[in-house]
């Protein structure tokens, strides 16, 4: 194998690694967005339940 052929294989390997990292980054960003939305929904539900429980205690 010549140096040129070896360089092509190394470049191809780096391209594959870069593609995998970019795909992983986008998947992770999407998961983080979904998790943030879940946290927001849970916080809203907690506030609603506390308000409901606070109103029930006042009665």
N, C-alpha and C. Protein backbone atom coordinates (compact mmCIF):
# COMPACT_ATOMS: atom_id res chain seq x y z
N UNK A 1 0.86 -1.17 0.00
CA UNK A 1 0.00 0.00 0.00
C UNK A 1 0.90 1.23 0.00
N UNK A 2 0.61 2.12 -0.90
CA UNK A 2 1.41 3.35 -0.98
C UNK A 2 0.90 4.37 0.03
N UNK A 3 1.66 5.41 0.18
CA UNK A 3 1.28 6.47 1.11
C UNK A 3 -0.01 7.13 0.66
N UNK A 4 -0.18 7.28 -0.65
CA UNK A 4 -1.40 7.90 -1.16
C UNK A 4 -2.63 7.07 -0.83
N UNK A 5 -2.52 5.75 -1.00
CA UNK A 5 -3.65 4.87 -0.68
C UNK A 5 -3.96 4.91 0.82
N UNK A 6 -2.91 4.90 1.62
CA UNK A 6 -3.10 4.98 3.06
C UNK A 6 -3.77 6.28 3.47
N UNK A 7 -3.36 7.36 2.83
CA UNK A 7 -3.96 8.66 3.13
C UNK A 7 -5.44 8.67 2.76
N UNK A 8 -5.79 7.99 1.67
CA UNK A 8 -7.21 7.92 1.28
C UNK A 8 -8.02 7.16 2.32
N UNK A 9 -7.47 6.06 2.83
CA UNK A 9 -8.17 5.30 3.86
C UNK A 9 -8.33 6.11 5.15
N UNK A 10 -7.28 6.81 5.51
CA UNK A 10 -7.35 7.64 6.72
C UNK A 10 -8.38 8.75 6.53
N UNK A 11 -8.39 9.38 5.37
CA UNK A 11 -9.36 10.44 5.09
C UNK A 11 -10.78 9.89 5.12
N UNK A 12 -10.97 8.69 4.57
CA UNK A 12 -12.30 8.08 4.59
C UNK A 12 -12.73 7.76 6.02
N UNK A 13 -11.80 7.27 6.82
CA UNK A 13 -12.11 6.96 8.22
C UNK A 13 -12.49 8.23 8.98
N UNK A 14 -11.74 9.29 8.77
CA UNK A 14 -12.07 10.57 9.42
C UNK A 14 -13.42 11.09 8.96
N UNK A 15 -13.74 10.93 7.69
CA UNK A 15 -15.03 11.39 7.18
C UNK A 15 -16.18 10.62 7.83
N UNK A 16 -16.00 9.32 8.00
CA UNK A 16 -17.02 8.49 8.65
C UNK A 16 -17.18 8.91 10.12
N UNK A 17 -16.06 9.10 10.80
CA UNK A 17 -16.11 9.51 12.20
C UNK A 17 -16.80 10.86 12.33
N UNK A 18 -16.48 11.79 11.45
CA UNK A 18 -17.11 13.11 11.49
C UNK A 18 -18.61 13.01 11.25
N UNK A 19 -19.01 12.18 10.29
CA UNK A 19 -20.44 12.01 10.00
C UNK A 19 -21.17 11.42 11.21
N UNK A 20 -20.57 10.46 11.86
CA UNK A 20 -21.18 9.86 13.05
C UNK A 20 -21.29 10.88 14.17
N UNK A 21 -20.25 11.67 14.37
CA UNK A 21 -20.29 12.68 15.43
C UNK A 21 -21.35 13.74 15.16
N UNK A 22 -21.49 14.16 13.92
CA UNK A 22 -22.51 15.16 13.58
C UNK A 22 -23.90 14.57 13.80
N UNK A 23 -24.12 13.34 13.38
CA UNK A 23 -25.42 12.69 13.59
C UNK A 23 -25.71 12.55 15.08
N UNK A 24 -24.72 12.16 15.85
CA UNK A 24 -24.89 12.02 17.30
C UNK A 24 -25.21 13.36 17.94
N UNK A 25 -24.55 14.41 17.48
CA UNK A 25 -24.81 15.75 18.01
C UNK A 25 -26.26 16.15 17.79
N UNK A 26 -26.77 15.94 16.58
CA UNK A 26 -28.15 16.32 16.29
C UNK A 26 -29.15 15.46 17.07
N UNK A 27 -28.86 14.17 17.21
CA UNK A 27 -29.76 13.32 18.00
C UNK A 27 -29.75 13.75 19.47
N UNK A 28 -28.58 14.08 19.99
CA UNK A 28 -28.48 14.53 21.38
C UNK A 28 -29.20 15.85 21.58
N UNK A 29 -29.05 16.75 20.63
CA UNK A 29 -29.73 18.05 20.74
C UNK A 29 -31.25 17.85 20.75
N UNK A 30 -31.72 16.93 19.94
CA UNK A 30 -33.16 16.67 19.91
C UNK A 30 -33.63 16.07 21.24
N UNK A 31 -32.84 15.15 21.77
CA UNK A 31 -33.21 14.54 23.06
C UNK A 31 -33.23 15.58 24.16
N UNK A 32 -32.27 16.49 24.16
CA UNK A 32 -32.23 17.54 25.18
C UNK A 32 -33.46 18.43 25.06
N UNK A 33 -33.85 18.75 23.84
CA UNK A 33 -35.04 19.58 23.63
C UNK A 33 -36.28 18.88 24.17
N UNK A 34 -36.41 17.60 23.90
CA UNK A 34 -37.56 16.83 24.40
C UNK A 34 -37.53 16.78 25.92
N UNK A 35 -36.36 16.57 26.50
CA UNK A 35 -36.26 16.52 27.96
C UNK A 35 -36.60 17.87 28.59
N UNK A 36 -36.18 18.96 27.97
CA UNK A 36 -36.54 20.28 28.49
C UNK A 36 -38.04 20.47 28.48
N UNK A 37 -38.68 20.05 27.40
CA UNK A 37 -40.14 20.17 27.31
C UNK A 37 -40.81 19.32 28.39
N UNK A 38 -40.29 18.11 28.62
CA UNK A 38 -40.84 17.26 29.67
C UNK A 38 -40.71 17.92 31.04
N UNK A 39 -39.57 18.55 31.30
CA UNK A 39 -39.37 19.24 32.58
C UNK A 39 -40.36 20.38 32.71
N UNK A 40 -40.57 21.14 31.63
CA UNK A 40 -41.54 22.24 31.67
C UNK A 40 -42.94 21.72 31.98
N UNK A 41 -43.32 20.62 31.34
CA UNK A 41 -44.64 20.05 31.60
C UNK A 41 -44.78 19.57 33.04
N UNK A 42 -43.73 18.95 33.56
CA UNK A 42 -43.77 18.49 34.95
C UNK A 42 -43.85 19.67 35.92
N UNK A 43 -43.11 20.74 35.63
CA UNK A 43 -43.19 21.91 36.50
C UNK A 43 -44.58 22.52 36.47
N UNK A 44 -45.19 22.60 35.29
CA UNK A 44 -46.55 23.13 35.19
C UNK A 44 -47.53 22.26 35.97
N UNK A 45 -47.38 20.95 35.85
CA UNK A 45 -48.27 20.03 36.57
C UNK A 45 -48.07 20.17 38.08
N UNK A 46 -46.82 20.32 38.52
CA UNK A 46 -46.54 20.49 39.94
C UNK A 46 -47.18 21.77 40.46
N UNK A 47 -47.04 22.86 39.71
CA UNK A 47 -47.66 24.13 40.13
C UNK A 47 -49.17 24.00 40.19
N UNK A 48 -49.74 23.31 39.21
CA UNK A 48 -51.19 23.14 39.18
C UNK A 48 -51.66 22.33 40.39
N UNK A 49 -50.93 21.27 40.70
CA UNK A 49 -51.32 20.44 41.85
C UNK A 49 -51.14 21.18 43.17
N UNK A 50 -50.07 21.97 43.27
CA UNK A 50 -49.87 22.75 44.50
C UNK A 50 -50.97 23.78 44.66
N UNK A 51 -51.34 24.42 43.55
CA UNK A 51 -52.42 25.42 43.62
C UNK A 51 -53.73 24.74 43.99
N UNK A 52 -53.96 23.55 43.43
CA UNK A 52 -55.18 22.80 43.73
C UNK A 52 -55.18 22.36 45.20
N UNK A 53 -54.05 21.88 45.68
CA UNK A 53 -53.96 21.45 47.07
C UNK A 53 -54.06 22.64 48.01
N UNK A 54 -53.48 23.76 47.62
CA UNK A 54 -53.58 24.97 48.45
C UNK A 54 -55.00 25.46 48.54
N UNK A 55 -55.74 25.38 47.46
CA UNK A 55 -57.14 25.78 47.46
C UNK A 55 -57.99 24.83 48.29
N UNK A 56 -57.65 23.55 48.28
CA UNK A 56 -58.41 22.56 49.05
C UNK A 56 -58.14 22.74 50.54
N UNK A 57 -56.91 23.13 50.90
CA UNK A 57 -56.58 23.35 52.31
C UNK A 57 -57.31 24.57 52.87
N UNK A 58 -57.55 25.56 52.03
CA UNK A 58 -58.20 26.79 52.48
C UNK A 58 -59.68 26.56 52.76
N UNK A 59 -60.28 25.53 52.15
CA UNK A 59 -61.72 25.27 52.34
C UNK A 59 -62.02 24.62 53.64
